[in-house]
Amino acid sequence: IAGPLYTGGLIATISLLHARTLGGSWVVLAMMLAWGGDTGGYFAGRAFGKHKLYEKVSPNKTVEGSLGGIAGSVLGAVVAHFWYLRALPLVDGILLAIVAGMLGQMGDLAESLLKRATGVKDSGTIVPGHGGLLDRIDALVFTSAATWAYATFVLDARLSP
């Protein structure tokens, strides 16, 4: 039951984001939060990583990389606010980026845990050498859900009379 909900249910929030006013911008924000977090985490972990985050699940992830990932997500939100999504208040964008960045990392760890539990190295062969397609979107499914929840329940409530 969890498999379809995890992949289909969470990824459906991208469609819900796209249906909003400025929908394409919200989708790009969710992508920036996920992939900015992945990129920031990778480079911070490579440069400063010393303390393992959760070695049993993902042996290469570090606490320093995790903090760099959150910083990458925050950078994505700041860029979005100033470049193409002025509807996103800056303070809210930073708070959303922190939460979504942490959730994106949880998504990455959850996908690694699923692979370890089933004894497979990659979740598929569509994207060879990258852990499979699910490994490319594991953070995005969580950042898109967080972005949709923020836009729907926080921003809309604040803007409605």
Protein backbone atom coordinates (compact mmCIF):
# COMPACT_ATOMS: atom_id res chain seq x y z
CA ILE A 1 0.00 0.00 0.00
CA ALA A 2 2.83 2.40 0.86
CA GLY A 3 4.58 2.08 -2.53
CA PRO A 4 1.84 3.65 -4.67
CA LEU A 5 1.12 6.28 -2.02
CA TYR A 6 4.81 7.14 -1.73
CA THR A 7 5.48 7.45 -5.43
CA GLY A 8 2.10 8.35 -6.93
CA GLY A 9 0.48 10.16 -4.04
CA LEU A 10 3.34 12.47 -3.22
CA ILE A 11 4.37 13.15 -6.82
CA ALA A 12 0.75 14.15 -7.54
CA THR A 13 1.40 17.30 -5.53
CA ILE A 14 3.43 18.57 -8.50
CA SER A 15 0.22 18.52 -10.54
CA LEU A 16 -1.62 20.27 -7.71
CA LEU A 17 1.09 22.94 -7.61
CA HIS A 18 0.88 23.39 -11.36
CA ALA A 19 -2.89 23.95 -11.13
CA ARG A 20 -2.37 26.98 -8.89
CA THR A 21 -2.07 30.58 -10.07
CA LEU A 22 1.57 30.96 -11.16
CA GLY A 23 1.63 27.16 -11.14
CA GLY A 24 4.77 26.75 -13.22
CA SER A 25 6.66 29.00 -10.82
CA TRP A 26 5.54 26.92 -7.83
CA VAL A 27 6.67 23.73 -9.56
CA VAL A 28 10.06 25.26 -10.32
CA LEU A 29 10.32 26.35 -6.68
CA ALA A 30 9.71 22.77 -5.51
CA MET A 31 12.42 21.60 -7.91
CA MET A 32 14.83 24.28 -6.71
CA LEU A 33 14.23 23.30 -3.10
CA ALA A 34 14.91 19.63 -3.87
CA TRP A 35 17.80 19.93 -6.25
CA GLY A 36 19.36 22.94 -4.52
CA GLY A 37 19.32 20.81 -1.38
CA ASP A 38 20.86 17.83 -3.18
CA THR A 39 23.55 20.00 -4.76
CA GLY A 40 24.34 21.96 -1.60
CA GLY A 41 24.49 18.73 0.38
CA TYR A 42 26.81 17.08 -2.10
CA PHE A 43 29.32 19.92 -2.24
CA ALA A 44 29.21 20.73 1.49
CA GLY A 45 29.60 17.05 2.32
CA ARG A 46 32.55 16.67 -0.03
CA ALA A 47 34.26 19.81 1.26
CA PHE A 48 33.48 19.65 4.98
CA GLY A 49 31.93 16.25 5.72
CA LYS A 50 33.39 14.57 8.78
CA HIS A 51 30.46 13.35 10.90
CA LYS A 52 28.27 10.56 9.51
CA LEU A 53 24.57 11.33 9.43
CA TYR A 54 23.04 7.82 9.41
CA GLU A 55 25.70 5.38 8.30
CA LYS A 56 23.50 2.25 8.36
CA VAL A 57 21.14 3.73 5.79
CA SER A 58 23.37 5.98 3.73
CA PRO A 59 27.09 5.61 4.54
CA ASN A 60 28.28 8.64 2.54
CA LYS A 61 25.91 11.24 3.98
CA THR A 62 27.29 13.59 6.62
CA VAL A 63 25.89 16.11 9.08
CA GLU A 64 27.86 18.83 7.31
CA GLY A 65 26.36 17.76 3.99
CA SER A 66 22.91 17.85 5.55
CA LEU A 67 23.43 21.44 6.71
CA GLY A 68 24.79 22.35 3.28
CA GLY A 69 21.68 20.82 1.74
CA ILE A 70 19.43 23.02 3.84
CA ALA A 71 21.53 26.03 2.84
CA GLY A 72 21.13 25.03 -0.83
CA SER A 73 17.36 24.86 -0.41
CA VAL A 74 17.33 28.28 1.29
CA LEU A 75 19.36 29.71 -1.57
CA GLY A 76 16.79 28.28 -4.00
CA ALA A 77 13.93 29.97 -2.13
CA VAL A 78 15.75 33.32 -2.01
CA VAL A 79 16.47 33.15 -5.75
CA ALA A 80 12.83 32.24 -6.42
CA HIS A 81 11.56 35.17 -4.36
CA PHE A 82 13.73 37.76 -6.07
CA TRP A 83 13.71 36.29 -9.58
CA TYR A 84 10.34 34.83 -10.50
CA LEU A 85 7.99 34.26 -7.54
CA ARG A 86 7.36 37.54 -5.75
CA ALA A 87 4.14 36.01 -4.34
CA LEU A 88 6.38 34.02 -2.00
CA PRO A 89 7.19 36.23 1.00
CA LEU A 90 10.94 36.06 1.69
CA VAL A 91 10.68 34.99 5.35
CA ASP A 92 8.10 32.35 4.45
CA GLY A 93 10.31 31.16 1.61
CA ILE A 94 13.25 30.71 3.95
CA LEU A 95 11.15 28.83 6.50
CA LEU A 96 9.61 26.69 3.74
CA ALA A 97 13.09 25.95 2.39
CA ILE A 98 14.31 24.78 5.80
CA VAL A 99 11.33 22.47 6.28
CA ALA A 100 11.27 21.27 2.66
CA GLY A 101 15.04 20.82 2.66
CA MET A 102 14.83 18.58 5.72
CA LEU A 103 11.90 16.66 4.24
CA GLY A 104 13.80 16.25 0.97
CA GLN A 105 16.69 14.70 2.87
CA MET A 106 14.22 12.43 4.65
CA GLY A 107 12.91 11.38 1.24
CA ASP A 108 16.42 10.57 0.12
CA LEU A 109 17.08 8.55 3.27
CA ALA A 110 13.70 6.78 3.00
CA GLU A 111 14.49 5.73 -0.57
CA SER A 112 17.92 4.50 0.52
CA LEU A 113 16.28 2.56 3.34
CA LEU A 114 13.84 0.95 0.90
CA LYS A 115 16.72 -0.11 -1.35
CA ARG A 116 18.68 -1.53 1.59
CA ALA A 117 15.63 -3.35 2.97
CA THR A 118 15.02 -5.04 -0.38
CA GLY A 119 18.70 -5.68 -1.07
CA VAL A 120 18.89 -3.77 -4.35
CA LYS A 121 21.51 -1.24 -5.37
CA ASP A 122 19.35 0.78 -7.76
CA SER A 123 15.60 1.42 -7.78
CA GLY A 124 15.52 0.93 -11.54
CA THR A 125 17.52 0.95 -14.77
CA ILE A 126 15.93 3.89 -16.61
CA VAL A 127 18.65 6.27 -15.39
CA PRO A 128 21.77 4.08 -15.29
CA GLY A 129 24.46 5.02 -12.80
CA HIS A 130 22.14 7.28 -10.80
CA GLY A 131 20.36 4.77 -8.58
CA GLY A 132 17.28 4.65 -10.78
CA LEU A 133 14.50 7.09 -11.54
CA LEU A 134 13.12 7.05 -8.00
CA ASP A 135 16.55 8.06 -6.72
CA ARG A 136 16.39 11.18 -8.92
CA ILE A 137 13.03 12.31 -7.54
CA ASP A 138 13.10 11.03 -3.94
CA ALA A 139 13.66 14.52 -2.52
CA LEU A 140 11.30 16.17 -5.02
CA VAL A 141 8.27 14.14 -3.92
CA PHE A 142 8.69 15.51 -0.40
CA THR A 143 9.62 19.09 -1.33
CA SER A 144 6.67 19.31 -3.72
CA ALA A 145 4.32 18.07 -0.99
CA ALA A 146 5.71 20.62 1.48
CA THR A 147 5.49 23.41 -1.11
CA TRP A 148 1.89 22.50 -1.98
CA ALA A 149 0.91 22.31 1.71
CA TYR A 150 2.50 25.72 2.36
CA ALA A 151 0.89 27.39 -0.66
CA THR A 152 -2.52 25.85 0.02
CA PHE A 153 -2.84 26.01 3.78
CA VAL A 154 -0.57 28.88 4.83
CA LEU A 155 -0.34 31.36 1.97
CA ASP A 156 -3.95 30.97 0.79
CA ALA A 157 -5.26 31.32 4.37
CA ARG A 158 -3.22 34.47 4.83
CA LEU A 159 -4.43 36.01 1.56
CA SER A 160 -8.13 35.13 1.85
CA PRO A 161 -10.41 37.69 3.49
